[in-house]
Amino acid sequence: MTIKDMLVLLDNGPRVDARSSAEGASLGPATTAALELAARIGAHVTAVALAVDPIVPGFVVAPLPVEVIEQARTQAIAVADAAAAAFTAEATRLGVPHETRVSEILMGGVPEGFAAAARTTDLVVIGQDDPDHPEPMREAMIETALFEGAAPTLLVPYISRGALAFDRIMIGWDGGRTAARAVHAAMPVLHMASKLAVVMVERAGSDPGQPGADLATWLARHGLDVEVEQIEAPDIAVADALLDQAADKSFDLLVMGGYGHSRVREFLLGGATRGILASMTLPILMAH
């Protein structure tokens, strides 16, 4: 499968306001990555900007004036519109076919439209939440893409700068279904790499033998040259071990499964996935 259609969630923080009003200003790292990748491979990009309506907390005794709530709503829509306009300008400059959508949702609500769009695309691109400019609903949108969508999700760290290389790719492998699904989904990107490594974290009770050999053989049959490595990490979390290995070996991208489950509209991320999302220093391609 090739990547012909991409879905990106735009940044809506204070940085977007400043950037969108300045001529030639750059967008957030995830949007920049999505547009540059689309220009490289000839894909269409659909950009979604969220306008999150405020909710009055239940403990507020006196109701807020309607004017205050309406002003907050109007401001949220204006910020989303500014993000969409900045995206359109950059996509046009790069010659990338595109469209934009501004989705108005309630804080804490389920973004059904985004979930539906994530089922009819080839790749979803979302930026890691920036602790200096946190955005409402960002974690919920990531969970929605992973657990409600059908496409793989490319997560871009907020510290990312410049184009994504995809030259040195590392696969975090445990032999499980989600890891296998991530590798299948990543095949178009894996063919862009000049170096590809399958890395397993050895834990107590790990299966003996040659873990990862079957995966390496399968990838080799697709014309990919793969190295297999097993690392020991008895005293640190799997997420930390994978990120340390990626940093030590200067990888550009980590491919791994997204662990967790959903329970009556409440999304629960697994420990390794949550750790990766909190500490990621390189782009992560995940599938669930």
C-alpha atoms as a PDB file:
ATOM      1  CA  MET A   1       0.000   0.000   0.000  1.00  0.00           C
ATOM      2  CA  THR A   2       1.161   3.528  -0.724  1.00  0.00           C
ATOM      3  CA  ILE A   3       0.327   6.660   1.243  1.00  0.00           C
ATOM      4  CA  LYS A   4      -1.977   8.781  -0.902  1.00  0.00           C
ATOM      5  CA  ASP A   5      -4.163  10.419   1.726  1.00  0.00           C
ATOM      6  CA  MET A   6      -3.158  11.944   5.082  1.00  0.00           C
ATOM      7  CA  LEU A   7      -5.063  13.473   8.004  1.00  0.00           C
ATOM      8  CA  VAL A   8      -3.341  16.020  10.262  1.00  0.00           C
ATOM      9  CA  LEU A   9      -4.524  17.646  13.484  1.00  0.00           C
ATOM     10  CA  LEU A  10      -3.454  21.278  13.526  1.00  0.00           C
ATOM     11  CA  ASP A  11      -1.921  23.008  16.543  1.00  0.00           C
ATOM     12  CA  ASN A  12      -4.251  25.525  18.172  1.00  0.00           C
ATOM     13  CA  GLY A  13      -1.996  27.006  20.845  1.00  0.00           C
ATOM     14  CA  PRO A  14      -0.766  30.584  21.311  1.00  0.00           C
ATOM     15  CA  ARG A  15       2.093  29.845  18.907  1.00  0.00           C
ATOM     16  CA  VAL A  16      -0.415  29.399  16.097  1.00  0.00           C
ATOM     17  CA  ASP A  17      -1.818  32.900  16.657  1.00  0.00           C
ATOM     18  CA  ALA A  18       1.651  34.447  16.351  1.00  0.00           C
ATOM     19  CA  ARG A  19       2.755  32.328  13.424  1.00  0.00           C
ATOM     20  CA  SER A  20      -0.412  32.651  11.375  1.00  0.00           C
ATOM     21  CA  SER A  21      -0.293  36.435  11.486  1.00  0.00           C
ATOM     22  CA  ALA A  22       3.297  36.687  10.273  1.00  0.00           C
ATOM     23  CA  GLU A  23       4.084  36.344   6.575  1.00  0.00           C
ATOM     24  CA  GLY A  24       6.061  33.213   5.892  1.00  0.00           C
ATOM     25  CA  ALA A  25       5.773  32.025   9.503  1.00  0.00           C
ATOM     26  CA  SER A  26       6.102  28.311  10.113  1.00  0.00           C
ATOM     27  CA  LEU A  27       3.433  25.971  11.453  1.00  0.00           C
ATOM     28  CA  GLY A  28       3.727  23.472  14.275  1.00  0.00           C
ATOM     29  CA  PRO A  29       6.118  20.505  13.891  1.00  0.00           C
ATOM     30  CA  ALA A  30       3.370  17.981  13.097  1.00  0.00           C
ATOM     31  CA  THR A  31       1.809  20.134  10.385  1.00  0.00           C
ATOM     32  CA  THR A  32       5.209  20.911   8.889  1.00  0.00           C
ATOM     33  CA  ALA A  33       6.076  17.204   8.893  1.00  0.00           C
ATOM     34  CA  ALA A  34       2.775  16.242   7.271  1.00  0.00           C
ATOM     35  CA  LEU A  35       3.093  18.805   4.475  1.00  0.00           C
ATOM     36  CA  GLU A  36       6.733  18.006   3.736  1.00  0.00           C
ATOM     37  CA  LEU A  37       6.000  14.275   3.639  1.00  0.00           C
ATOM     38  CA  ALA A  38       2.966  14.842   1.408  1.00  0.00           C
ATOM     39  CA  ALA A  39       5.034  16.966  -0.971  1.00  0.00           C
ATOM     40  CA  ARG A  40       7.668  14.236  -1.080  1.00  0.00           C
ATOM     41  CA  ILE A  41       5.318  11.341  -1.834  1.00  0.00           C
ATOM     42  CA  GLY A  42       2.509  13.131  -3.673  1.00  0.00           C
ATOM     43  CA  ALA A  43      -0.244  12.703  -1.078  1.00  0.00           C
ATOM     44  CA  HIS A  44      -3.372  14.710  -0.329  1.00  0.00           C
ATOM     45  CA  VAL A  45      -3.625  16.220   3.173  1.00  0.00           C
ATOM     46  CA  THR A  46      -6.804  16.953   5.116  1.00  0.00           C
ATOM     47  CA  ALA A  47      -6.193  19.299   8.039  1.00  0.00           C
ATOM     48  CA  VAL A  48      -8.516  19.463  11.051  1.00  0.00           C
ATOM     49  CA  ALA A  49      -8.519  22.426  13.429  1.00  0.00           C
ATOM     50  CA  LEU A  50     -10.440  22.019  16.676  1.00  0.00           C
ATOM     51  CA  ALA A  51     -12.589  24.754  18.169  1.00  0.00           C
ATOM     52  CA  VAL A  52     -13.225  23.501  21.693  1.00  0.00           C
ATOM     53  CA  ASP A  53     -16.326  24.964  23.328  1.00  0.00           C
ATOM     54  CA  PRO A  54     -15.942  25.756  27.021  1.00  0.00           C
ATOM     55  CA  ILE A  55     -17.879  23.856  29.661  1.00  0.00           C
ATOM     56  CA  VAL A  56     -18.879  25.517  32.914  1.00  0.00           C
ATOM     57  CA  PRO A  57     -17.694  23.319  35.819  1.00  0.00           C
ATOM     58  CA  GLY A  58     -20.426  21.814  37.946  1.00  0.00           C
ATOM     59  CA  PHE A  59     -19.021  23.324  41.130  1.00  0.00           C
ATOM     60  CA  VAL A  60     -19.570  26.886  39.868  1.00  0.00           C
ATOM     61  CA  VAL A  61     -22.579  28.078  41.845  1.00  0.00           C
ATOM     62  CA  ALA A  62     -23.314  31.265  39.962  1.00  0.00           C
ATOM     63  CA  PRO A  63     -23.799  30.692  36.227  1.00  0.00           C
ATOM     64  CA  LEU A  64     -21.377  32.487  33.954  1.00  0.00           C
ATOM     65  CA  PRO A  65     -22.906  35.216  31.815  1.00  0.00           C
ATOM     66  CA  VAL A  66     -23.936  34.039  28.390  1.00  0.00           C
ATOM     67  CA  GLU A  67     -21.745  36.761  26.905  1.00  0.00           C
ATOM     68  CA  VAL A  68     -18.638  35.281  28.554  1.00  0.00           C
ATOM     69  CA  ILE A  69     -19.342  31.790  27.243  1.00  0.00           C
ATOM     70  CA  GLU A  70     -20.130  33.086  23.762  1.00  0.00           C
ATOM     71  CA  GLN A  71     -16.936  35.170  23.744  1.00  0.00           C
ATOM     72  CA  ALA A  72     -14.855  32.094  24.638  1.00  0.00           C
ATOM     73  CA  ARG A  73     -16.573  30.117  21.904  1.00  0.00           C
ATOM     74  CA  THR A  74     -15.990  32.862  19.332  1.00  0.00           C
ATOM     75  CA  GLN A  75     -12.327  33.065  20.296  1.00  0.00           C
ATOM     76  CA  ALA A  76     -11.906  29.281  19.983  1.00  0.00           C
ATOM     77  CA  ILE A  77     -13.374  29.362  16.475  1.00  0.00           C
ATOM     78  CA  ALA A  78     -11.141  32.308  15.516  1.00  0.00           C
ATOM     79  CA  VAL A  79      -8.012  30.459  16.675  1.00  0.00           C
ATOM     80  CA  ALA A  80      -9.051  27.345  14.711  1.00  0.00           C
ATOM     81  CA  ASP A  81      -9.777  29.444  11.618  1.00  0.00           C
ATOM     82  CA  ALA A  82      -6.331  31.073  11.910  1.00  0.00           C
ATOM     83  CA  ALA A  83      -4.641  27.675  12.103  1.00  0.00           C
ATOM     84  CA  ALA A  84      -6.579  26.464   9.050  1.00  0.00           C
ATOM     85  CA  ALA A  85      -5.657  29.599   7.097  1.00  0.00           C
ATOM     86  CA  ALA A  86      -1.959  29.235   7.917  1.00  0.00           C
ATOM     87  CA  PHE A  87      -2.078  25.587   6.821  1.00  0.00           C
ATOM     88  CA  THR A  88      -3.792  26.498   3.550  1.00  0.00           C
ATOM     89  CA  ALA A  89      -1.156  29.119   2.766  1.00  0.00           C
ATOM     90  CA  GLU A  90       1.730  26.696   3.340  1.00  0.00           C
ATOM     91  CA  ALA A  91       0.080  23.794   1.493  1.00  0.00           C
ATOM     92  CA  THR A  92      -0.560  26.081  -1.477  1.00  0.00           C
ATOM     93  CA  ARG A  93       3.062  27.257  -1.442  1.00  0.00           C
ATOM     94  CA  LEU A  94       4.295  23.645  -1.487  1.00  0.00           C
ATOM     95  CA  GLY A  95       1.807  22.578  -4.157  1.00  0.00           C
ATOM     96  CA  VAL A  96       0.236  19.959  -1.883  1.00  0.00           C
ATOM     97  CA  PRO A  97      -3.404  19.062  -2.634  1.00  0.00           C
ATOM     98  CA  HIS A  98      -5.353  19.773   0.521  1.00  0.00           C
ATOM     99  CA  GLU A  99      -8.542  20.653   2.323  1.00  0.00           C
ATOM    100  CA  THR A 100      -9.297  22.048   5.782  1.00  0.00           C
ATOM    101  CA  ARG A 101     -12.026  21.394   8.329  1.00  0.00           C
ATOM    102  CA  VAL A 102     -12.832  23.353  11.477  1.00  0.00           C
ATOM    103  CA  SER A 103     -14.552  21.036  13.969  1.00  0.00           C
ATOM    104  CA  GLU A 104     -16.385  22.521  16.923  1.00  0.00           C
ATOM    105  CA  ILE A 105     -16.611  20.130  19.879  1.00  0.00           C
ATOM    106  CA  LEU A 106     -17.374  20.304  23.577  1.00  0.00           C
ATOM    107  CA  MET A 107     -14.540  19.929  26.059  1.00  0.00           C
ATOM    108  CA  GLY A 108     -14.517  16.264  27.060  1.00  0.00           C
ATOM    109  CA  GLY A 109     -16.747  15.283  24.153  1.00  0.00           C
ATOM    110  CA  VAL A 110     -15.959  12.537  21.684  1.00  0.00           C
ATOM    111  CA  PRO A 111     -14.673  13.888  18.347  1.00  0.00           C
ATOM    112  CA  GLU A 112     -16.735  11.571  16.164  1.00  0.00           C
ATOM    113  CA  GLY A 113     -15.921  13.416  12.948  1.00  0.00           C
ATOM    114  CA  PHE A 114     -12.202  13.026  13.507  1.00  0.00           C
ATOM    115  CA  ALA A 115     -12.623   9.333  14.324  1.00  0.00           C
ATOM    116  CA  ALA A 116     -14.573   8.801  11.101  1.00  0.00           C
ATOM    117  CA  ALA A 117     -11.911  10.633   9.080  1.00  0.00           C
ATOM    118  CA  ALA A 118      -9.185   8.483  10.688  1.00  0.00           C
ATOM    119  CA  ARG A 119     -10.900   5.389   9.262  1.00  0.00           C
ATOM    120  CA  THR A 120     -10.738   6.577   5.654  1.00  0.00           C
ATOM    121  CA  THR A 121      -7.154   7.784   5.336  1.00  0.00           C
ATOM    122  CA  ASP A 122      -3.730   6.198   4.973  1.00  0.00           C
ATOM    123  CA  LEU A 123      -1.910   8.055   7.763  1.00  0.00           C
ATOM    124  CA  VAL A 124      -2.879  10.278  10.693  1.00  0.00           C
ATOM    125  CA  VAL A 125      -0.326  12.882  11.857  1.00  0.00           C
ATOM    126  CA  ILE A 126      -0.629  14.442  15.336  1.00  0.00           C
ATOM    127  CA  GLY A 127       1.820  16.490  17.367  1.00  0.00           C
ATOM    128  CA  GLN A 128       2.799  15.663  20.931  1.00  0.00           C
ATOM    129  CA  ASP A 129       1.231  18.048  23.420  1.00  0.00           C
ATOM    130  CA  ASP A 130       3.613  20.878  24.329  1.00  0.00           C
ATOM    131  CA  PRO A 131       3.694  21.302  28.137  1.00  0.00           C
ATOM    132  CA  ASP A 132       4.425  25.017  27.686  1.00  0.00           C
ATOM    133  CA  HIS A 133       1.382  25.410  25.439  1.00  0.00           C
ATOM    134  CA  PRO A 134      -1.003  22.570  26.405  1.00  0.00           C
ATOM    135  CA  GLU A 135      -4.088  22.142  24.276  1.00  0.00           C
ATOM    136  CA  PRO A 136      -7.466  20.794  25.390  1.00  0.00           C
ATOM    137  CA  MET A 137      -8.390  17.421  23.943  1.00  0.00           C
ATOM    138  CA  ARG A 138      -4.912  16.649  22.530  1.00  0.00           C
ATOM    139  CA  GLU A 139      -4.512  13.352  24.406  1.00  0.00           C
ATOM    140  CA  ALA A 140      -8.098  12.417  23.599  1.00  0.00           C
ATOM    141  CA  MET A 141      -7.432  13.025  19.902  1.00  0.00           C
ATOM    142  CA  ILE A 142      -4.330  10.815  19.971  1.00  0.00           C
ATOM    143  CA  GLU A 143      -6.288   8.047  21.699  1.00  0.00           C
ATOM    144  CA  THR A 144      -9.122   8.445  19.201  1.00  0.00           C
ATOM    145  CA  ALA A 145      -6.739   8.087  16.263  1.00  0.00           C
ATOM    146  CA  LEU A 146      -5.076   5.010  17.777  1.00  0.00           C
ATOM    147  CA  PHE A 147      -8.126   3.126  19.023  1.00  0.00           C
ATOM    148  CA  GLU A 148     -11.029   4.394  16.919  1.00  0.00           C
ATOM    149  CA  GLY A 149      -9.281   4.926  13.576  1.00  0.00           C
ATOM    150  CA  ALA A 150      -8.016   2.367  11.086  1.00  0.00           C
ATOM    151  CA  ALA A 151      -4.881   4.128   9.841  1.00  0.00           C
ATOM    152  CA  PRO A 152      -1.479   4.225  11.551  1.00  0.00           C
ATOM    153  CA  THR A 153      -0.707   7.346  13.576  1.00  0.00           C
ATOM    154  CA  LEU A 154       2.492   9.343  13.204  1.00  0.00           C
ATOM    155  CA  LEU A 155       3.220  11.245  16.421  1.00  0.00           C
ATOM    156  CA  VAL A 156       5.628  14.166  16.103  1.00  0.00           C
ATOM    157  CA  PRO A 157       7.432  15.526  19.205  1.00  0.00           C
ATOM    158  CA  TYR A 158       6.872  19.173  20.011  1.00  0.00           C
ATOM    159  CA  ILE A 159      10.649  19.694  20.038  1.00  0.00           C
ATOM    160  CA  SER A 160      10.969  18.481  16.441  1.00  0.00           C
ATOM    161  CA  ARG A 161      12.545  20.919  13.989  1.00  0.00           C
ATOM    162  CA  GLY A 162      12.785  20.677  10.221  1.00  0.00           C
ATOM    163  CA  ALA A 163      11.813  17.894   7.859  1.00  0.00           C
ATOM    164  CA  LEU A 164      11.459  14.275   8.942  1.00  0.00           C
ATOM    165  CA  ALA A 165      14.274  12.175   7.493  1.00  0.00           C
ATOM    166  CA  PHE A 166      12.932   8.580   7.660  1.00  0.00           C
ATOM    167  CA  ASP A 167      16.460   7.467   6.781  1.00  0.00           C
ATOM    168  CA  ARG A 168      17.230   5.458   9.930  1.00  0.00           C
ATOM    169  CA  ILE A 169      14.202   3.574  11.265  1.00  0.00           C
ATOM    170  CA  MET A 170      13.949   1.423  14.373  1.00  0.00           C
ATOM    171  CA  ILE A 171      11.164  -1.099  14.996  1.00  0.00           C
ATOM    172  CA  GLY A 172      10.282  -1.802  18.630  1.00  0.00           C
ATOM    173  CA  TRP A 173       9.320  -5.477  18.454  1.00  0.00           C
ATOM    174  CA  ASP A 174       7.724  -7.812  20.985  1.00  0.00           C
ATOM    175  CA  GLY A 175       6.092 -10.247  18.557  1.00  0.00           C
ATOM    176  CA  GLY A 176       2.604  -9.121  19.531  1.00  0.00           C
ATOM    177  CA  ARG A 177      -0.368  -8.282  17.334  1.00  0.00           C
ATOM    178  CA  THR A 178      -0.154  -4.506  17.737  1.00  0.00           C
ATOM    179  CA  ALA A 179       3.570  -4.466  16.948  1.00  0.00           C
ATOM    180  CA  ALA A 180       2.945  -6.601  13.851  1.00  0.00           C
ATOM    181  CA  ARG A 181       0.128  -4.319  12.751  1.00  0.00           C
ATOM    182  CA  ALA A 182       2.418  -1.305  13.153  1.00  0.00           C
ATOM    183  CA  VAL A 183       5.071  -2.899  10.933  1.00  0.00           C
ATOM    184  CA  HIS A 184       2.493  -3.770   8.254  1.00  0.00           C
ATOM    185  CA  ALA A 185       1.173  -0.204   8.345  1.00  0.00           C
ATOM    186  CA  ALA A 186       4.680   1.261   8.185  1.00  0.00           C
ATOM    187  CA  MET A 187       5.765  -0.618   5.050  1.00  0.00           C
ATOM    188  CA  PRO A 188       5.580   2.431   2.719  1.00  0.00           C
ATOM    189  CA  VAL A 189       7.796   4.371   5.139  1.00  0.00           C
ATOM    190  CA  LEU A 190      10.194   1.468   5.776  1.00  0.00           C
ATOM    191  CA  HIS A 191      11.125   1.474   2.088  1.00  0.00           C
ATOM    192  CA  MET A 192      12.394   5.062   2.500  1.00  0.00           C
ATOM    193  CA  ALA A 193      15.058   3.970   5.018  1.00  0.00           C
ATOM    194  CA  SER A 194      18.713   3.248   4.337  1.00  0.00           C
ATOM    195  CA  LYS A 195      19.098   1.618   7.769  1.00  0.00           C
ATOM    196  CA  LEU A 196      16.429  -0.519   9.416  1.00  0.00           C
ATOM    197  CA  ALA A 197      16.759  -2.203  12.812  1.00  0.00           C
ATOM    198  CA  VAL A 198      14.453  -4.524  14.737  1.00  0.00           C
ATOM    199  CA  VAL A 199      15.010  -3.976  18.466  1.00  0.00           C
ATOM    200  CA  MET A 200      13.607  -6.104  21.286  1.00  0.00           C
ATOM    201  CA  VAL A 201      13.756  -5.350  24.991  1.00  0.00           C
ATOM    202  CA  GLU A 202      14.759  -8.450  26.931  1.00  0.00           C
ATOM    203  CA  ARG A 203      12.728  -8.928  30.096  1.00  0.00           C
ATOM    204  CA  ALA A 204      12.401 -11.702  32.638  1.00  0.00           C
ATOM    205  CA  GLY A 205      10.558 -14.594  31.039  1.00  0.00           C
ATOM    206  CA  SER A 206      11.416 -13.615  27.457  1.00  0.00           C
ATOM    207  CA  ASP A 207      11.209 -16.456  24.977  1.00  0.00           C
ATOM    208  CA  PRO A 208      14.539 -18.135  24.190  1.00  0.00           C
ATOM    209  CA  GLY A 209      15.824 -18.595  20.675  1.00  0.00           C
ATOM    210  CA  GLN A 210      16.102 -15.916  18.010  1.00  0.00           C
ATOM    211  CA  PRO A 211      13.294 -13.419  18.613  1.00  0.00           C
ATOM    212  CA  GLY A 212      12.678 -11.162  15.654  1.00  0.00           C
ATOM    213  CA  ALA A 213      14.176 -13.585  13.126  1.00  0.00           C
ATOM    214  CA  ASP A 214      10.814 -14.277  11.455  1.00  0.00           C
ATOM    215  CA  LEU A 215      10.115 -10.561  11.149  1.00  0.00           C
ATOM    216  CA  ALA A 216      13.557  -9.911   9.674  1.00  0.00           C
ATOM    217  CA  THR A 217      13.050 -12.714   7.157  1.00  0.00           C
ATOM    218  CA  TRP A 218       9.657 -11.349   6.109  1.00  0.00           C
ATOM    219  CA  LEU A 219      11.041  -7.833   5.695  1.00  0.00           C
ATOM    220  CA  ALA A 220      14.005  -9.178   3.716  1.00  0.00           C
ATOM    221  CA  ARG A 221      11.576 -10.788   1.271  1.00  0.00           C
ATOM    222  CA  HIS A 222      10.229  -7.285   0.682  1.00  0.00           C
ATOM    223  CA  GLY A 223      13.696  -6.121  -0.277  1.00  0.00           C
ATOM    224  CA  LEU A 224      14.564  -4.543   3.079  1.00  0.00           C
ATOM    225  CA  ASP A 225      17.980  -4.988   4.728  1.00  0.00           C
ATOM    226  CA  VAL A 226      17.351  -5.452   8.456  1.00  0.00           C
ATOM    227  CA  GLU A 227      19.503  -5.717  11.574  1.00  0.00           C
ATOM    228  CA  VAL A 228      18.131  -7.518  14.647  1.00  0.00           C
ATOM    229  CA  GLU A 229      19.200  -6.559  18.148  1.00  0.00           C
ATOM    230  CA  GLN A 230      18.061  -7.564  21.622  1.00  0.00           C
ATOM    231  CA  ILE A 231      18.806  -5.139  24.449  1.00  0.00           C
ATOM    232  CA  GLU A 232      18.692  -5.738  28.186  1.00  0.00           C
ATOM    233  CA  ALA A 233      16.748  -3.340  30.379  1.00  0.00           C
ATOM    234  CA  PRO A 234      16.120  -5.017  33.726  1.00  0.00           C
ATOM    235  CA  ASP A 235      15.769  -1.821  35.755  1.00  0.00           C
ATOM    236  CA  ILE A 236      13.959   0.636  33.465  1.00  0.00           C
ATOM    237  CA  ALA A 237      10.634   0.741  31.671  1.00  0.00           C
ATOM    238  CA  VAL A 238      10.295  -0.622  28.143  1.00  0.00           C
ATOM    239  CA  ALA A 239       9.441   2.861  26.839  1.00  0.00           C
ATOM    240  CA  ASP A 240      12.618   4.324  28.320  1.00  0.00           C
ATOM    241  CA  ALA A 241      14.718   1.470  26.945  1.00  0.00           C
ATOM    242  CA  LEU A 242      13.386   1.988  23.418  1.00  0.00           C
ATOM    243  CA  LEU A 243      13.842   5.754  23.536  1.00  0.00           C
ATOM    244  CA  ASP A 244      17.375   5.406  24.943  1.00  0.00           C
ATOM    245  CA  GLN A 245      18.299   2.989  22.164  1.00  0.00           C
ATOM    246  CA  ALA A 246      16.820   5.274  19.505  1.00  0.00           C
ATOM    247  CA  ALA A 247      18.770   8.250  20.862  1.00  0.00           C
ATOM    248  CA  ASP A 248      22.046   6.319  21.257  1.00  0.00           C
ATOM    249  CA  LYS A 249      21.891   5.048  17.671  1.00  0.00           C
ATOM    250  CA  SER A 250      20.537   8.305  16.178  1.00  0.00           C
ATOM    251  CA  PHE A 251      17.381   6.829  14.654  1.00  0.00           C
ATOM    252  CA  ASP A 252      14.941   9.141  12.848  1.00  0.00           C
ATOM    253  CA  LEU A 253      11.745   7.184  13.506  1.00  0.00           C
ATOM    254  CA  LEU A 254      10.464   4.548  15.931  1.00  0.00           C
ATOM    255  CA  VAL A 255       7.784   2.101  14.762  1.00  0.00           C
ATOM    256  CA  MET A 256       5.852   0.313  17.509  1.00  0.00           C
ATOM    257  CA  GLY A 257       2.433  -0.951  18.527  1.00  0.00           C
ATOM    258  CA  GLY A 258       0.053   1.243  20.497  1.00  0.00           C
ATOM    259  CA  TYR A 259      -1.012  -0.602  23.609  1.00  0.00           C
ATOM    260  CA  GLY A 260      -4.204  -0.085  25.568  1.00  0.00           C
ATOM    261  CA  HIS A 261      -7.934  -0.688  25.380  1.00  0.00           C
ATOM    262  CA  SER A 262     -11.156   1.261  25.399  1.00  0.00           C
ATOM    263  CA  ARG A 263     -13.981   0.826  27.890  1.00  0.00           C
ATOM    264  CA  VAL A 264     -17.324   2.512  27.260  1.00  0.00           C
ATOM    265  CA  ARG A 265     -15.856   5.559  25.500  1.00  0.00           C
ATOM    266  CA  GLU A 266     -13.064   5.882  28.096  1.00  0.00           C
ATOM    267  CA  PHE A 267      -9.680   5.348  26.498  1.00  0.00           C
ATOM    268  CA  LEU A 268      -6.943   3.781  28.603  1.00  0.00           C
ATOM    269  CA  LEU A 269      -3.406   3.785  27.260  1.00  0.00           C
ATOM    270  CA  GLY A 270      -0.997   1.059  28.265  1.00  0.00           C
ATOM    271  CA  GLY A 271       2.123   1.860  30.291  1.00  0.00           C
ATOM    272  CA  ALA A 272       4.624   1.605  27.438  1.00  0.00           C
ATOM    273  CA  THR A 273       2.474   3.747  25.147  1.00  0.00           C
ATOM    274  CA  ARG A 274       1.831   6.416  27.784  1.00  0.00           C
ATOM    275  CA  GLY A 275       5.534   6.509  28.628  1.00  0.00           C
ATOM    276  CA  ILE A 276       6.453   6.971  24.978  1.00  0.00           C
ATOM    277  CA  LEU A 277       3.939   9.779  24.507  1.00  0.00           C
ATOM    278  CA  ALA A 278       5.250  11.626  27.558  1.00  0.00           C
ATOM    279  CA  SER A 279       8.970  11.283  26.833  1.00  0.00           C
ATOM    280  CA  MET A 280       9.270  10.942  23.056  1.00  0.00           C
ATOM    281  CA  THR A 281      12.237  12.688  21.463  1.00  0.00           C
ATOM    282  CA  LEU A 282      11.773  11.380  17.923  1.00  0.00           C
ATOM    283  CA  PRO A 283       8.727  10.739  15.710  1.00  0.00           C
ATOM    284  CA  ILE A 284       6.791   7.569  16.552  1.00  0.00           C
ATOM    285  CA  LEU A 285       4.649   5.622  14.085  1.00  0.00           C
ATOM    286  CA  MET A 286       2.046   3.614  16.000  1.00  0.00           C
ATOM    287  CA  ALA A 287      -0.818   1.284  15.174  1.00  0.00           C
ATOM    288  CA  HIS A 288      -3.206  -0.542  17.457  1.00  0.00           C
END
